[in-house]
Amino acid sequence: MGDEFNEAAIRAELQSWWDSQVDSSDDPFAAPKPPVGTIFDVVPVVDSLSVTTALVAIEKHVGFKVPPRVIQRGGYNSFDEMVNDLIPKVGFLFEKRKSKSGKDSK
């Protein structure tokens, strides 16, 4: 684990992950977009279960296993919503672990 929380690197990693999950514009086998006015209007773009795979991308930057409880219940409707929710939570866990390991070494 590094000494600093690299938010920019995590954001870039999450952007790449998000794009791979959401962008199906060049996929000829992608399902058609659901019609407006259906239950799909309230379903998040990326569900919370899918976001658990993004935690792996975060973990390689922070050096510890990120618990799935940091993920917003239900999922996220946009990339900005996801990073604005996840990055502060992971940053808090990072600082908590850093301060705990600093106390252990004294």
C-alpha atoms as a PDB file:
ATOM      1  CA  MET A   1       0.000   0.000   0.000  1.00  0.00           C
ATOM      2  CA  GLY A   2       1.361   3.421  -0.903  1.00  0.00           C
ATOM      3  CA  ASP A   3       1.546   6.323   1.493  1.00  0.00           C
ATOM      4  CA  GLU A   4      -0.845   8.476  -0.522  1.00  0.00           C
ATOM      5  CA  PHE A   5      -4.383   7.956  -1.744  1.00  0.00           C
ATOM      6  CA  ASN A   6      -4.141   8.412  -5.519  1.00  0.00           C
ATOM      7  CA  GLU A   7      -7.644   9.577  -6.392  1.00  0.00           C
ATOM      8  CA  ALA A   8      -6.746  10.387 -10.018  1.00  0.00           C
ATOM      9  CA  ALA A   9      -5.456   6.862 -10.678  1.00  0.00           C
ATOM     10  CA  ILE A  10      -8.523   5.298  -9.068  1.00  0.00           C
ATOM     11  CA  ARG A  11     -10.824   7.596 -11.043  1.00  0.00           C
ATOM     12  CA  ALA A  12      -9.070   6.648 -14.317  1.00  0.00           C
ATOM     13  CA  GLU A  13      -9.296   2.949 -13.468  1.00  0.00           C
ATOM     14  CA  LEU A  14     -12.997   3.277 -12.639  1.00  0.00           C
ATOM     15  CA  GLN A  15     -13.637   5.222 -15.858  1.00  0.00           C
ATOM     16  CA  SER A  16     -12.133   2.393 -17.857  1.00  0.00           C
ATOM     17  CA  TRP A  17     -14.223  -0.125 -15.922  1.00  0.00           C
ATOM     18  CA  TRP A  18     -17.409   1.953 -16.365  1.00  0.00           C
ATOM     19  CA  ASP A  19     -16.852   2.314 -20.105  1.00  0.00           C
ATOM     20  CA  SER A  20     -16.401  -1.439 -20.484  1.00  0.00           C
ATOM     21  CA  GLN A  21     -19.663  -2.042 -18.606  1.00  0.00           C
ATOM     22  CA  VAL A  22     -21.859   0.615 -20.162  1.00  0.00           C
ATOM     23  CA  ASP A  23     -20.689   1.270 -23.713  1.00  0.00           C
ATOM     24  CA  SER A  24     -22.374  -1.162 -26.043  1.00  0.00           C
ATOM     25  CA  SER A  25     -22.628   1.202 -29.018  1.00  0.00           C
ATOM     26  CA  ASP A  26     -20.274  -0.919 -31.116  1.00  0.00           C
ATOM     27  CA  ASP A  27     -21.634  -4.288 -29.965  1.00  0.00           C
ATOM     28  CA  PRO A  28     -23.809  -5.777 -32.707  1.00  0.00           C
ATOM     29  CA  PHE A  29     -25.186  -8.336 -30.231  1.00  0.00           C
ATOM     30  CA  ALA A  30     -26.174  -5.821 -27.543  1.00  0.00           C
ATOM     31  CA  ALA A  31     -29.784  -5.905 -26.479  1.00  0.00           C
ATOM     32  CA  PRO A  32     -31.874  -3.015 -27.777  1.00  0.00           C
ATOM     33  CA  LYS A  33     -32.562  -0.170 -25.379  1.00  0.00           C
ATOM     34  CA  PRO A  34     -35.825  -0.748 -23.481  1.00  0.00           C
ATOM     35  CA  PRO A  35     -38.775   1.483 -24.342  1.00  0.00           C
ATOM     36  CA  VAL A  36     -39.418   4.613 -22.301  1.00  0.00           C
ATOM     37  CA  GLY A  37     -42.142   4.372 -19.660  1.00  0.00           C
ATOM     38  CA  THR A  38     -41.271   0.909 -18.388  1.00  0.00           C
ATOM     39  CA  ILE A  39     -39.754  -0.444 -15.185  1.00  0.00           C
ATOM     40  CA  PHE A  40     -36.347  -0.040 -16.835  1.00  0.00           C
ATOM     41  CA  ASP A  41     -36.641   3.719 -16.297  1.00  0.00           C
ATOM     42  CA  VAL A  42     -35.927   3.202 -12.589  1.00  0.00           C
ATOM     43  CA  VAL A  43     -33.302   0.466 -12.902  1.00  0.00           C
ATOM     44  CA  PRO A  44     -29.776   1.858 -12.436  1.00  0.00           C
ATOM     45  CA  VAL A  45     -27.388   1.853 -15.387  1.00  0.00           C
ATOM     46  CA  VAL A  46     -24.984  -0.354 -13.411  1.00  0.00           C
ATOM     47  CA  ASP A  47     -26.367  -2.472 -10.568  1.00  0.00           C
ATOM     48  CA  SER A  48     -24.598  -2.861  -7.241  1.00  0.00           C
ATOM     49  CA  LEU A  49     -23.689  -6.491  -7.873  1.00  0.00           C
ATOM     50  CA  SER A  50     -21.844  -5.520 -11.057  1.00  0.00           C
ATOM     51  CA  VAL A  51     -19.971  -2.782  -9.213  1.00  0.00           C
ATOM     52  CA  THR A  52     -18.358  -5.395  -6.965  1.00  0.00           C
ATOM     53  CA  THR A  53     -16.087  -6.227  -9.914  1.00  0.00           C
ATOM     54  CA  ALA A  54     -14.888  -2.603  -9.936  1.00  0.00           C
ATOM     55  CA  LEU A  55     -13.594  -3.064  -6.403  1.00  0.00           C
ATOM     56  CA  VAL A  56     -10.774  -5.195  -7.818  1.00  0.00           C
ATOM     57  CA  ALA A  57      -9.627  -2.176  -9.841  1.00  0.00           C
ATOM     58  CA  ILE A  58      -9.639  -0.044  -6.697  1.00  0.00           C
ATOM     59  CA  GLU A  59      -7.891  -2.646  -4.559  1.00  0.00           C
ATOM     60  CA  LYS A  60      -4.737  -2.632  -6.663  1.00  0.00           C
ATOM     61  CA  HIS A  61      -4.349   1.081  -5.882  1.00  0.00           C
ATOM     62  CA  VAL A  62      -5.053   0.969  -2.165  1.00  0.00           C
ATOM     63  CA  GLY A  63      -3.386  -2.306  -1.237  1.00  0.00           C
ATOM     64  CA  PHE A  64      -6.256  -3.864   0.733  1.00  0.00           C
ATOM     65  CA  LYS A  65      -9.545  -5.644   0.111  1.00  0.00           C
ATOM     66  CA  VAL A  66     -12.339  -3.095  -0.203  1.00  0.00           C
ATOM     67  CA  PRO A  67     -15.555  -4.351   1.411  1.00  0.00           C
ATOM     68  CA  PRO A  68     -18.641  -4.452  -0.828  1.00  0.00           C
ATOM     69  CA  ARG A  69     -20.579  -2.442   1.782  1.00  0.00           C
ATOM     70  CA  VAL A  70     -19.042   0.743   0.297  1.00  0.00           C
ATOM     71  CA  ILE A  71     -21.201   0.284  -2.807  1.00  0.00           C
ATOM     72  CA  GLN A  72     -24.444   2.231  -2.893  1.00  0.00           C
ATOM     73  CA  ARG A  73     -27.398  -0.088  -2.544  1.00  0.00           C
ATOM     74  CA  GLY A  74     -29.032  -0.673  -5.914  1.00  0.00           C
ATOM     75  CA  GLY A  75     -26.225   0.697  -8.079  1.00  0.00           C
ATOM     76  CA  TYR A  76     -25.442   3.869  -9.971  1.00  0.00           C
ATOM     77  CA  ASN A  77     -27.044   5.836 -12.782  1.00  0.00           C
ATOM     78  CA  SER A  78     -23.885   7.608 -13.941  1.00  0.00           C
ATOM     79  CA  PHE A  79     -20.119   7.451 -13.688  1.00  0.00           C
ATOM     80  CA  ASP A  80     -20.042  10.680 -11.690  1.00  0.00           C
ATOM     81  CA  GLU A  81     -22.574   9.326  -9.210  1.00  0.00           C
ATOM     82  CA  MET A  82     -20.440   6.216  -8.746  1.00  0.00           C
ATOM     83  CA  VAL A  83     -17.084   7.955  -8.214  1.00  0.00           C
ATOM     84  CA  ASN A  84     -18.610  10.677  -6.030  1.00  0.00           C
ATOM     85  CA  ASP A  85     -19.952   7.926  -3.798  1.00  0.00           C
ATOM     86  CA  LEU A  86     -17.102   5.380  -3.862  1.00  0.00           C
ATOM     87  CA  ILE A  87     -13.945   7.503  -3.823  1.00  0.00           C
ATOM     88  CA  PRO A  88     -14.682   9.336  -0.548  1.00  0.00           C
ATOM     89  CA  LYS A  89     -15.647   6.069   1.162  1.00  0.00           C
ATOM     90  CA  VAL A  90     -12.532   4.258  -0.039  1.00  0.00           C
ATOM     91  CA  GLY A  91     -10.422   7.292   0.831  1.00  0.00           C
ATOM     92  CA  PHE A  92     -11.796   7.179   4.366  1.00  0.00           C
ATOM     93  CA  LEU A  93     -10.952   3.472   4.663  1.00  0.00           C
ATOM     94  CA  PHE A  94      -7.472   4.146   3.268  1.00  0.00           C
ATOM     95  CA  GLU A  95      -6.784   6.884   5.820  1.00  0.00           C
ATOM     96  CA  LYS A  96      -8.203   4.736   8.625  1.00  0.00           C
ATOM     97  CA  ARG A  97      -5.885   1.851   7.704  1.00  0.00           C
ATOM     98  CA  LYS A  98      -2.944   4.211   7.286  1.00  0.00           C
ATOM     99  CA  SER A  99      -3.464   5.751  10.724  1.00  0.00           C
ATOM    100  CA  LYS A 100      -3.970   2.305  12.293  1.00  0.00           C
ATOM    101  CA  SER A 101      -0.730   0.983  10.742  1.00  0.00           C
ATOM    102  CA  GLY A 102       1.092   4.144  11.904  1.00  0.00           C
ATOM    103  CA  LYS A 103       0.049   3.448  15.491  1.00  0.00           C
ATOM    104  CA  ASP A 104       1.221  -0.166  15.213  1.00  0.00           C
ATOM    105  CA  SER A 105       4.722   0.880  14.174  1.00  0.00           C
ATOM    106  CA  LYS A 106       5.236   3.209  17.157  1.00  0.00           C
END
